[in-house]
Amino acid sequence: MHVRRFDVGEDGSLTGGDVFAESTGEGAGAPDGLKIDSLGHVFCAGPGGVHVYHPDDGTCLGVIRTPAFCANFTWGDDDFMTFFLTSSTCLYRGRVLVPGMALF
């Protein structure tokens, strides 16, 4: 029911583990599929869609509501400004104002 923040040492060791954000309110559940956009906002698949958290303090900025359970999501196209969401039966896509972060 929460997301934790860890510091990663040069040797790959983890320290910290403070709670960064909590999944609360109507339809709260376990966050999954963490990704960040180019501004550092944290995106998590969860109940009702994709939850978006502020990078500094974990404040929930809102939920991208989906008509079906969101199994996973990512950004794509050459500019990383198309947002793709998957469910068990559908693939959704839409253009966004802030590009995602490249994973490579």
PDB file of N, CA and C in Angstrom:
ATOM      1  N   MET A   1       0.808  -1.204   0.000  1.00  0.00           N
ATOM      2  CA  MET A   1       0.000   0.000   0.000  1.00  0.00           C
ATOM      3  C   MET A   1       0.854   1.273   0.000  1.00  0.00           C
ATOM      4  N   HIS A   2       2.180   1.128  -0.239  1.00  0.00           N
ATOM      5  CA  HIS A   2       3.029   2.311  -0.269  1.00  0.00           C
ATOM      6  C   HIS A   2       4.244   2.088  -1.187  1.00  0.00           C
ATOM      7  N   VAL A   3       4.910   3.192  -1.476  1.00  0.00           N
ATOM      8  CA  VAL A   3       6.144   3.186  -2.274  1.00  0.00           C
ATOM      9  C   VAL A   3       7.245   3.697  -1.357  1.00  0.00           C
ATOM     10  N   ARG A   4       8.371   3.014  -1.332  1.00  0.00           N
ATOM     11  CA  ARG A   4       9.499   3.426  -0.492  1.00  0.00           C
ATOM     12  C   ARG A   4      10.638   3.984  -1.349  1.00  0.00           C
ATOM     13  N   ARG A   5      11.413   4.886  -0.746  1.00  0.00           N
ATOM     14  CA  ARG A   5      12.548   5.518  -1.425  1.00  0.00           C
ATOM     15  C   ARG A   5      13.846   5.016  -0.790  1.00  0.00           C
ATOM     16  N   PHE A   6      14.762   4.546  -1.637  1.00  0.00           N
ATOM     17  CA  PHE A   6      16.053   4.047  -1.166  1.00  0.00           C
ATOM     18  C   PHE A   6      17.178   4.829  -1.824  1.00  0.00           C
ATOM     19  N   ASP A   7      18.286   4.955  -1.126  1.00  0.00           N
ATOM     20  CA  ASP A   7      19.516   5.481  -1.706  1.00  0.00           C
ATOM     21  C   ASP A   7      20.323   4.286  -2.181  1.00  0.00           C
ATOM     22  N   VAL A   8      20.904   4.402  -3.373  1.00  0.00           N
ATOM     23  CA  VAL A   8      21.697   3.322  -3.933  1.00  0.00           C
ATOM     24  C   VAL A   8      23.165   3.733  -3.897  1.00  0.00           C
ATOM     25  N   GLY A   9      23.974   2.938  -3.186  1.00  0.00           N
ATOM     26  CA  GLY A   9      25.401   3.204  -3.093  1.00  0.00           C
ATOM     27  C   GLY A   9      26.123   2.824  -4.372  1.00  0.00           C
ATOM     28  N   GLU A  10      27.352   3.280  -4.516  1.00  0.00           N
ATOM     29  CA  GLU A  10      28.146   2.958  -5.707  1.00  0.00           C
ATOM     30  C   GLU A  10      28.332   1.458  -5.878  1.00  0.00           C
ATOM     31  N   ASP A  11      28.293   0.724  -4.767  1.00  0.00           N
ATOM     32  CA  ASP A  11      28.451  -0.734  -4.820  1.00  0.00           C
ATOM     33  C   ASP A  11      27.119  -1.457  -4.995  1.00  0.00           C
ATOM     34  N   GLY A  12      26.035  -0.680  -5.170  1.00  0.00           N
ATOM     35  CA  GLY A  12      24.709  -1.264  -5.355  1.00  0.00           C
ATOM     36  C   GLY A  12      23.957  -1.501  -4.069  1.00  0.00           C
ATOM     37  N   SER A  13      24.559  -1.169  -2.933  1.00  0.00           N
ATOM     38  CA  SER A  13      23.891  -1.365  -1.648  1.00  0.00           C
ATOM     39  C   SER A  13      22.760  -0.352  -1.472  1.00  0.00           C
ATOM     40  N   LEU A  14      21.743  -0.746  -0.710  1.00  0.00           N
ATOM     41  CA  LEU A  14      20.588   0.106  -0.460  1.00  0.00           C
ATOM     42  C   LEU A  14      20.571   0.573   0.980  1.00  0.00           C
ATOM     43  N   THR A  15      20.239   1.858   1.174  1.00  0.00           N
ATOM     44  CA  THR A  15      20.031   2.405   2.509  1.00  0.00           C
ATOM     45  C   THR A  15      18.768   3.242   2.471  1.00  0.00           C
ATOM     46  N   GLY A  16      18.254   3.565   3.641  1.00  0.00           N
ATOM     47  CA  GLY A  16      17.041   4.373   3.716  1.00  0.00           C
ATOM     48  C   GLY A  16      15.824   3.490   3.770  1.00  0.00           C
ATOM     49  N   GLY A  17      14.927   3.661   2.823  1.00  0.00           N
ATOM     50  CA  GLY A  17      13.700   2.876   2.789  1.00  0.00           C
ATOM     51  C   GLY A  17      12.512   3.604   3.378  1.00  0.00           C
ATOM     52  N   ASP A  18      12.612   4.931   3.493  1.00  0.00           N
ATOM     53  CA  ASP A  18      11.489   5.709   4.013  1.00  0.00           C
ATOM     54  C   ASP A  18      10.298   5.623   3.067  1.00  0.00           C
ATOM     55  N   VAL A  19       9.094   5.721   3.617  1.00  0.00           N
ATOM     56  CA  VAL A  19       7.888   5.734   2.793  1.00  0.00           C
ATOM     57  C   VAL A  19       7.870   7.031   1.988  1.00  0.00           C
ATOM     58  N   PHE A  20       7.785   6.901   0.675  1.00  0.00           N
ATOM     59  CA  PHE A  20       7.744   8.040  -0.244  1.00  0.00           C
ATOM     60  C   PHE A  20       6.306   8.453  -0.538  1.00  0.00           C
ATOM     61  N   ALA A  21       5.451   7.469  -0.815  1.00  0.00           N
ATOM     62  CA  ALA A  21       4.052   7.746  -1.163  1.00  0.00           C
ATOM     63  C   ALA A  21       3.190   6.588  -0.671  1.00  0.00           C
ATOM     64  N   GLU A  22       1.933   6.911  -0.360  1.00  0.00           N
ATOM     65  CA  GLU A  22       1.010   5.884   0.100  1.00  0.00           C
ATOM     66  C   GLU A  22      -0.207   5.837  -0.809  1.00  0.00           C
ATOM     67  N   SER A  23      -0.703   4.641  -1.018  1.00  0.00           N
ATOM     68  CA  SER A  23      -1.921   4.438  -1.791  1.00  0.00           C
ATOM     69  C   SER A  23      -3.087   4.469  -0.812  1.00  0.00           C
ATOM     70  N   THR A  24      -3.821   5.585  -0.801  1.00  0.00           N
ATOM     71  CA  THR A  24      -4.923   5.762   0.133  1.00  0.00           C
ATOM     72  C   THR A  24      -6.161   6.238  -0.610  1.00  0.00           C
ATOM     73  N   GLY A  25      -7.245   6.296   0.097  1.00  0.00           N
ATOM     74  CA  GLY A  25      -8.483   6.822  -0.474  1.00  0.00           C
ATOM     75  C   GLY A  25      -9.289   5.741  -1.162  1.00  0.00           C
ATOM     76  N   GLU A  26     -10.317   6.172  -1.872  1.00  0.00           N
ATOM     77  CA  GLU A  26     -11.226   5.253  -2.552  1.00  0.00           C
ATOM     78  C   GLU A  26     -10.469   4.380  -3.548  1.00  0.00           C
ATOM     79  N   GLY A  27     -10.672   3.086  -3.456  1.00  0.00           N
ATOM     80  CA  GLY A  27     -10.048   2.157  -4.389  1.00  0.00           C
ATOM     81  C   GLY A  27      -8.574   1.940  -4.160  1.00  0.00           C
ATOM     82  N   ALA A  28      -8.061   2.341  -2.970  1.00  0.00           N
ATOM     83  CA  ALA A  28      -6.633   2.196  -2.696  1.00  0.00           C
ATOM     84  C   ALA A  28      -6.212   0.736  -2.789  1.00  0.00           C
ATOM     85  N   GLY A  29      -5.015   0.547  -3.257  1.00  0.00           N
ATOM     86  CA  GLY A  29      -4.468  -0.798  -3.385  1.00  0.00           C
ATOM     87  C   GLY A  29      -2.974  -0.734  -3.575  1.00  0.00           C
ATOM     88  N   ALA A  30      -2.371  -1.870  -3.826  1.00  0.00           N
ATOM     89  CA  ALA A  30      -0.923  -1.944  -3.951  1.00  0.00           C
ATOM     90  C   ALA A  30      -0.446  -1.324  -5.263  1.00  0.00           C
ATOM     91  N   PRO A  31       0.477  -0.357  -5.193  1.00  0.00           N
ATOM     92  CA  PRO A  31       1.042   0.218  -6.420  1.00  0.00           C
ATOM     93  C   PRO A  31       1.945  -0.792  -7.109  1.00  0.00           C
ATOM     94  N   ASP A  32       2.054  -0.680  -8.432  1.00  0.00           N
ATOM     95  CA  ASP A  32       2.841  -1.628  -9.205  1.00  0.00           C
ATOM     96  C   ASP A  32       3.343  -0.921 -10.459  1.00  0.00           C
ATOM     97  N   GLY A  33       4.399  -1.442 -11.070  1.00  0.00           N
ATOM     98  CA  GLY A  33       4.868  -0.916 -12.349  1.00  0.00           C
ATOM     99  C   GLY A  33       5.393   0.498 -12.267  1.00  0.00           C
ATOM    100  N   LEU A  34       6.318   0.777 -11.379  1.00  0.00           N
ATOM    101  CA  LEU A  34       6.849   2.127 -11.181  1.00  0.00           C
ATOM    102  C   LEU A  34       7.676   2.602 -12.367  1.00  0.00           C
ATOM    103  N   LYS A  35       7.429   3.853 -12.771  1.00  0.00           N
ATOM    104  CA  LYS A  35       8.237   4.500 -13.808  1.00  0.00           C
ATOM    105  C   LYS A  35       8.252   5.995 -13.503  1.00  0.00           C
ATOM    106  N   ILE A  36       9.196   6.728 -14.110  1.00  0.00           N
ATOM    107  CA  ILE A  36       9.235   8.177 -13.927  1.00  0.00           C
ATOM    108  C   ILE A  36       9.231   8.868 -15.281  1.00  0.00           C
ATOM    109  N   ASP A  37       8.715  10.117 -15.282  1.00  0.00           N
ATOM    110  CA  ASP A  37       8.772  10.904 -16.511  1.00  0.00           C
ATOM    111  C   ASP A  37      10.029  11.763 -16.483  1.00  0.00           C
ATOM    112  N   SER A  38      10.222  12.589 -17.495  1.00  0.00           N
ATOM    113  CA  SER A  38      11.451  13.373 -17.618  1.00  0.00           C
ATOM    114  C   SER A  38      11.560  14.472 -16.565  1.00  0.00           C
ATOM    115  N   LEU A  39      10.483  14.774 -15.841  1.00  0.00           N
ATOM    116  CA  LEU A  39      10.528  15.748 -14.750  1.00  0.00           C
ATOM    117  C   LEU A  39      10.664  15.077 -13.390  1.00  0.00           C
ATOM    118  N   GLY A  40      10.693  13.746 -13.373  1.00  0.00           N
ATOM    119  CA  GLY A  40      10.866  13.018 -12.126  1.00  0.00           C
ATOM    120  C   GLY A  40       9.583  12.586 -11.443  1.00  0.00           C
ATOM    121  N   HIS A  41       8.412  12.906 -12.022  1.00  0.00           N
ATOM    122  CA  HIS A  41       7.155  12.450 -11.437  1.00  0.00           C
ATOM    123  C   HIS A  41       7.128  10.922 -11.437  1.00  0.00           C
ATOM    124  N   VAL A  42       6.640  10.345 -10.349  1.00  0.00           N
ATOM    125  CA  VAL A  42       6.589   8.892 -10.200  1.00  0.00           C
ATOM    126  C   VAL A  42       5.205   8.407 -10.607  1.00  0.00           C
ATOM    127  N   PHE A  43       5.168   7.431 -11.518  1.00  0.00           N
ATOM    128  CA  PHE A  43       3.923   6.845 -12.013  1.00  0.00           C
ATOM    129  C   PHE A  43       3.846   5.404 -11.532  1.00  0.00           C
ATOM    130  N   CYS A  44       2.682   4.998 -11.010  1.00  0.00           N
ATOM    131  CA  CYS A  44       2.478   3.630 -10.523  1.00  0.00           C
ATOM    132  C   CYS A  44       1.123   3.132 -11.001  1.00  0.00           C
ATOM    133  N   ALA A  45       1.111   1.944 -11.596  1.00  0.00           N
ATOM    134  CA  ALA A  45      -0.172   1.323 -11.904  1.00  0.00           C
ATOM    135  C   ALA A  45      -0.819   0.943 -10.579  1.00  0.00           C
ATOM    136  N   GLY A  46      -2.112   1.094 -10.505  1.00  0.00           N
ATOM    137  CA  GLY A  46      -2.829   0.762  -9.281  1.00  0.00           C
ATOM    138  C   GLY A  46      -4.319   0.750  -9.538  1.00  0.00           C
ATOM    139  N   PRO A  47      -5.107   0.616  -8.484  1.00  0.00           N
ATOM    140  CA  PRO A  47      -6.559   0.582  -8.642  1.00  0.00           C
ATOM    141  C   PRO A  47      -7.085   1.818  -9.366  1.00  0.00           C
ATOM    142  N   GLY A  48      -7.870   1.623 -10.385  1.00  0.00           N
ATOM    143  CA  GLY A  48      -8.483   2.735 -11.099  1.00  0.00           C
ATOM    144  C   GLY A  48      -7.649   3.334 -12.205  1.00  0.00           C
ATOM    145  N   GLY A  49      -6.374   2.960 -12.309  1.00  0.00           N
ATOM    146  CA  GLY A  49      -5.548   3.519 -13.359  1.00  0.00           C
ATOM    147  C   GLY A  49      -4.104   3.694 -12.948  1.00  0.00           C
ATOM    148  N   VAL A  50      -3.494   4.793 -13.399  1.00  0.00           N
ATOM    149  CA  VAL A  50      -2.094   5.080 -13.111  1.00  0.00           C
ATOM    150  C   VAL A  50      -2.043   6.282 -12.164  1.00  0.00           C
ATOM    151  N   HIS A  51      -1.434   6.080 -11.003  1.00  0.00           N
ATOM    152  CA  HIS A  51      -1.323   7.116  -9.984  1.00  0.00           C
ATOM    153  C   HIS A  51      -0.034   7.894 -10.218  1.00  0.00           C
ATOM    154  N   VAL A  52      -0.104   9.224 -10.072  1.00  0.00           N
ATOM    155  CA  VAL A  52       1.051  10.088 -10.342  1.00  0.00           C
ATOM    156  C   VAL A  52       1.418  10.824  -9.056  1.00  0.00           C
ATOM    157  N   TYR A  53       2.716  10.753  -8.686  1.00  0.00           N
ATOM    158  CA  TYR A  53       3.192  11.352  -7.441  1.00  0.00           C
ATOM    159  C   TYR A  53       4.268  12.395  -7.708  1.00  0.00           C
ATOM    160  N   HIS A  54       4.285  13.450  -6.879  1.00  0.00           N
ATOM    161  CA  HIS A  54       5.285  14.512  -6.980  1.00  0.00           C
ATOM    162  C   HIS A  54       6.652  13.942  -6.603  1.00  0.00           C
ATOM    163  N   PRO A  55       7.714  14.298  -7.365  1.00  0.00           N
ATOM    164  CA  PRO A  55       9.022  13.692  -7.114  1.00  0.00           C
ATOM    165  C   PRO A  55       9.671  14.107  -5.793  1.00  0.00           C
ATOM    166  N   ASP A  56       9.301  15.245  -5.240  1.00  0.00           N
ATOM    167  CA  ASP A  56       9.952  15.716  -4.020  1.00  0.00           C
ATOM    168  C   ASP A  56       9.377  15.111  -2.747  1.00  0.00           C
ATOM    169  N   ASP A  57       8.042  15.102  -2.649  1.00  0.00           N
ATOM    170  CA  ASP A  57       7.431  14.706  -1.378  1.00  0.00           C
ATOM    171  C   ASP A  57       6.413  13.575  -1.485  1.00  0.00           C
ATOM    172  N   GLY A  58       6.211  13.018  -2.672  1.00  0.00           N
ATOM    173  CA  GLY A  58       5.295  11.893  -2.830  1.00  0.00           C
ATOM    174  C   GLY A  58       3.823  12.249  -2.782  1.00  0.00           C
ATOM    175  N   THR A  59       3.494  13.529  -2.848  1.00  0.00           N
ATOM    176  CA  THR A  59       2.099  13.939  -2.879  1.00  0.00           C
ATOM    177  C   THR A  59       1.434  13.382  -4.136  1.00  0.00           C
ATOM    178  N   CYS A  60       0.254  12.789  -3.969  1.00  0.00           N
ATOM    179  CA  CYS A  60      -0.466  12.278  -5.134  1.00  0.00           C
ATOM    180  C   CYS A  60      -1.000  13.450  -5.938  1.00  0.00           C
ATOM    181  N   LEU A  61      -0.596  13.545  -7.195  1.00  0.00           N
ATOM    182  CA  LEU A  61      -1.039  14.626  -8.076  1.00  0.00           C
ATOM    183  C   LEU A  61      -2.313  14.269  -8.810  1.00  0.00           C
ATOM    184  N   GLY A  62      -2.646  12.984  -8.845  1.00  0.00           N
ATOM    185  CA  GLY A  62      -3.866  12.556  -9.514  1.00  0.00           C
ATOM    186  C   GLY A  62      -3.744  11.143 -10.033  1.00  0.00           C
ATOM    187  N   VAL A  63      -4.822  10.697 -10.658  1.00  0.00           N
ATOM    188  CA  VAL A  63      -4.883   9.352 -11.211  1.00  0.00           C
ATOM    189  C   VAL A  63      -5.330   9.452 -12.664  1.00  0.00           C
ATOM    190  N   ILE A  64      -4.589   8.831 -13.558  1.00  0.00           N
ATOM    191  CA  ILE A  64      -5.011   8.708 -14.948  1.00  0.00           C
ATOM    192  C   ILE A  64      -5.983   7.537 -14.960  1.00  0.00           C
ATOM    193  N   ARG A  65      -7.261   7.834 -15.001  1.00  0.00           N
ATOM    194  CA  ARG A  65      -8.304   6.809 -14.895  1.00  0.00           C
ATOM    195  C   ARG A  65      -8.350   5.954 -16.157  1.00  0.00           C
ATOM    196  N   THR A  66      -8.529   4.668 -15.964  1.00  0.00           N
ATOM    197  CA  THR A  66      -8.623   3.738 -17.084  1.00  0.00           C
ATOM    198  C   THR A  66      -9.918   2.946 -16.976  1.00  0.00           C
ATOM    199  N   PRO A  67     -10.530   2.614 -18.101  1.00  0.00           N
ATOM    200  CA  PRO A  67     -11.801   1.883 -18.078  1.00  0.00           C
ATOM    201  C   PRO A  67     -11.651   0.419 -17.668  1.00  0.00           C
ATOM    202  N   ALA A  68     -10.436  -0.091 -17.704  1.00  0.00           N
ATOM    203  CA  ALA A  68     -10.162  -1.480 -17.323  1.00  0.00           C
ATOM    204  C   ALA A  68      -8.930  -1.483 -16.426  1.00  0.00           C
ATOM    205  N   PHE A  69      -8.686  -2.581 -15.733  1.00  0.00           N
ATOM    206  CA  PHE A  69      -7.517  -2.697 -14.872  1.00  0.00           C
ATOM    207  C   PHE A  69      -6.255  -2.449 -15.687  1.00  0.00           C
ATOM    208  N   CYS A  70      -5.405  -1.553 -15.237  1.00  0.00           N
ATOM    209  CA  CYS A  70      -4.160  -1.229 -15.938  1.00  0.00           C
ATOM    210  C   CYS A  70      -3.087  -2.234 -15.541  1.00  0.00           C
ATOM    211  N   ALA A  71      -2.683  -3.060 -16.486  1.00  0.00           N
ATOM    212  CA  ALA A  71      -1.670  -4.083 -16.215  1.00  0.00           C
ATOM    213  C   ALA A  71      -0.254  -3.508 -16.295  1.00  0.00           C
ATOM    214  N   ASN A  72      -0.030  -2.559 -17.205  1.00  0.00           N
ATOM    215  CA  ASN A  72       1.284  -1.958 -17.362  1.00  0.00           C
ATOM    216  C   ASN A  72       1.154  -0.701 -18.212  1.00  0.00           C
ATOM    217  N   PHE A  73       2.217   0.086 -18.270  1.00  0.00           N
ATOM    218  CA  PHE A  73       2.209   1.333 -19.042  1.00  0.00           C
ATOM    219  C   PHE A  73       3.641   1.712 -19.380  1.00  0.00           C
ATOM    220  N   THR A  74       3.779   2.578 -20.386  1.00  0.00           N
ATOM    221  CA  THR A  74       5.089   3.104 -20.765  1.00  0.00           C
ATOM    222  C   THR A  74       4.896   4.301 -21.689  1.00  0.00           C
ATOM    223  N   TRP A  75       5.975   4.981 -21.980  1.00  0.00           N
ATOM    224  CA  TRP A  75       5.970   6.052 -22.983  1.00  0.00           C
ATOM    225  C   TRP A  75       6.663   5.531 -24.225  1.00  0.00           C
ATOM    226  N   GLY A  76       6.266   6.061 -25.380  1.00  0.00           N
ATOM    227  CA  GLY A  76       6.877   5.603 -26.614  1.00  0.00           C
ATOM    228  C   GLY A  76       6.908   6.666 -27.678  1.00  0.00           C
ATOM    229  N   ASP A  77       7.142   6.241 -28.895  1.00  0.00           N
ATOM    230  CA  ASP A  77       7.418   7.057 -30.065  1.00  0.00           C
ATOM    231  C   ASP A  77       8.795   7.693 -29.898  1.00  0.00           C
ATOM    232  N   ASP A  78       9.307   8.285 -30.938  1.00  0.00           N
ATOM    233  CA  ASP A  78      10.656   8.847 -30.918  1.00  0.00           C
ATOM    234  C   ASP A  78      10.840   9.927 -29.864  1.00  0.00           C
ATOM    235  N   ASP A  79       9.751  10.646 -29.529  1.00  0.00           N
ATOM    236  CA  ASP A  79       9.840  11.748 -28.568  1.00  0.00           C
ATOM    237  C   ASP A  79       9.379  11.364 -27.164  1.00  0.00           C
ATOM    238  N   PHE A  80       9.029  10.104 -26.938  1.00  0.00           N
ATOM    239  CA  PHE A  80       8.542   9.610 -25.646  1.00  0.00           C
ATOM    240  C   PHE A  80       7.334  10.400 -25.130  1.00  0.00           C
ATOM    241  N   MET A  81       6.525  10.913 -26.048  1.00  0.00           N
ATOM    242  CA  MET A  81       5.361  11.696 -25.646  1.00  0.00           C
ATOM    243  C   MET A  81       4.041  11.006 -25.968  1.00  0.00           C
ATOM    244  N   THR A  82       4.099   9.721 -26.272  1.00  0.00           N
ATOM    245  CA  THR A  82       2.884   8.922 -26.389  1.00  0.00           C
ATOM    246  C   THR A  82       2.862   7.964 -25.206  1.00  0.00           C
ATOM    247  N   PHE A  83       1.766   7.995 -24.460  1.00  0.00           N
ATOM    248  CA  PHE A  83       1.613   7.180 -23.265  1.00  0.00           C
ATOM    249  C   PHE A  83       0.788   5.960 -23.629  1.00  0.00           C
ATOM    250  N   PHE A  84       1.327   4.778 -23.377  1.00  0.00           N
ATOM    251  CA  PHE A  84       0.649   3.523 -23.680  1.00  0.00           C
ATOM    252  C   PHE A  84       0.254   2.835 -22.379  1.00  0.00           C
ATOM    253  N   LEU A  85      -0.973   2.343 -22.322  1.00  0.00           N
ATOM    254  CA  LEU A  85      -1.460   1.579 -21.176  1.00  0.00           C
ATOM    255  C   LEU A  85      -2.032   0.266 -21.676  1.00  0.00           C
ATOM    256  N   THR A  86      -1.790  -0.808 -20.936  1.00  0.00           N
ATOM    257  CA  THR A  86      -2.344  -2.094 -21.324  1.00  0.00           C
ATOM    258  C   THR A  86      -3.283  -2.618 -20.243  1.00  0.00           C
ATOM    259  N   SER A  87      -4.295  -3.353 -20.679  1.00  0.00           N
ATOM    260  CA  SER A  87      -5.164  -4.104 -19.776  1.00  0.00           C
ATOM    261  C   SER A  87      -5.190  -5.537 -20.292  1.00  0.00           C
ATOM    262  N   SER A  88      -5.999  -6.375 -19.693  1.00  0.00           N
ATOM    263  CA  SER A  88      -6.036  -7.764 -20.150  1.00  0.00           C
ATOM    264  C   SER A  88      -6.648  -7.897 -21.538  1.00  0.00           C
ATOM    265  N   THR A  89      -7.381  -6.884 -22.007  1.00  0.00           N
ATOM    266  CA  THR A  89      -8.046  -7.000 -23.306  1.00  0.00           C
ATOM    267  C   THR A  89      -7.769  -5.849 -24.272  1.00  0.00           C
ATOM    268  N   CYS A  90      -7.129  -4.779 -23.800  1.00  0.00           N
ATOM    269  CA  CYS A  90      -6.979  -3.599 -24.660  1.00  0.00           C
ATOM    270  C   CYS A  90      -5.614  -2.941 -24.503  1.00  0.00           C
ATOM    271  N   LEU A  91      -5.274  -2.155 -25.524  1.00  0.00           N
ATOM    272  CA  LEU A  91      -4.113  -1.279 -25.487  1.00  0.00           C
ATOM    273  C   LEU A  91      -4.629   0.132 -25.715  1.00  0.00           C
ATOM    274  N   TYR A  92      -4.273   1.041 -24.819  1.00  0.00           N
ATOM    275  CA  TYR A  92      -4.701   2.437 -24.925  1.00  0.00           C
ATOM    276  C   TYR A  92      -3.464   3.283 -25.185  1.00  0.00           C
ATOM    277  N   ARG A  93      -3.656   4.409 -25.884  1.00  0.00           N
ATOM    278  CA  ARG A  93      -2.547   5.328 -26.104  1.00  0.00           C
ATOM    279  C   ARG A  93      -3.083   6.742 -26.178  1.00  0.00           C
ATOM    280  N   GLY A  94      -2.242   7.676 -25.803  1.00  0.00           N
ATOM    281  CA  GLY A  94      -2.594   9.086 -25.869  1.00  0.00           C
ATOM    282  C   GLY A  94      -1.340   9.929 -25.796  1.00  0.00           C
ATOM    283  N   ARG A  95      -1.402  11.116 -26.359  1.00  0.00           N
ATOM    284  CA  ARG A  95      -0.269  12.031 -26.332  1.00  0.00           C
ATOM    285  C   ARG A  95      -0.256  12.762 -24.994  1.00  0.00           C
ATOM    286  N   VAL A  96       0.939  13.063 -24.496  1.00  0.00           N
ATOM    287  CA  VAL A  96       1.098  13.740 -23.224  1.00  0.00           C
ATOM    288  C   VAL A  96       1.926  15.009 -23.391  1.00  0.00           C
ATOM    289  N   LEU A  97       1.927  15.862 -22.372  1.00  0.00           N
ATOM    290  CA  LEU A  97       2.660  17.126 -22.432  1.00  0.00           C
ATOM    291  C   LEU A  97       4.108  17.006 -21.935  1.00  0.00           C
ATOM    292  N   VAL A  98       4.359  16.003 -21.085  1.00  0.00           N
ATOM    293  CA  VAL A  98       5.694  15.791 -20.535  1.00  0.00           C
ATOM    294  C   VAL A  98       6.178  14.422 -20.999  1.00  0.00           C
ATOM    295  N   PRO A  99       7.352  14.356 -21.639  1.00  0.00           N
ATOM    296  CA  PRO A  99       7.837  13.062 -22.111  1.00  0.00           C
ATOM    297  C   PRO A  99       8.243  12.151 -20.972  1.00  0.00           C
ATOM    298  N   GLY A 100       8.194  10.866 -21.255  1.00  0.00           N
ATOM    299  CA  GLY A 100       8.671   9.879 -20.300  1.00  0.00           C
ATOM    300  C   GLY A 100      10.187   9.837 -20.285  1.00  0.00           C
ATOM    301  N   MET A 101      10.708   9.046 -19.368  1.00  0.00           N
ATOM    302  CA  MET A 101      12.159   8.876 -19.240  1.00  0.00           C
ATOM    303  C   MET A 101      12.572   7.637 -20.024  1.00  0.00           C
ATOM    304  N   ALA A 102      13.576   7.772 -20.849  1.00  0.00           N
ATOM    305  CA  ALA A 102      14.093   6.624 -21.597  1.00  0.00           C
ATOM    306  C   ALA A 102      14.675   5.620 -20.622  1.00  0.00           C
ATOM    307  N   LEU A 103      14.449   4.339 -20.868  1.00  0.00           N
ATOM    308  CA  LEU A 103      14.915   3.300 -19.952  1.00  0.00           C
ATOM    309  C   LEU A 103      16.275   2.736 -20.326  1.00  0.00           C
ATOM    310  N   PHE A 104      16.966   3.370 -21.213  1.00  0.00           N
ATOM    311  CA  PHE A 104      18.278   2.861 -21.615  1.00  0.00           C
ATOM    312  C   PHE A 104      19.295   3.972 -21.614  1.00  0.00           C
TER     313      PHE A 104
END
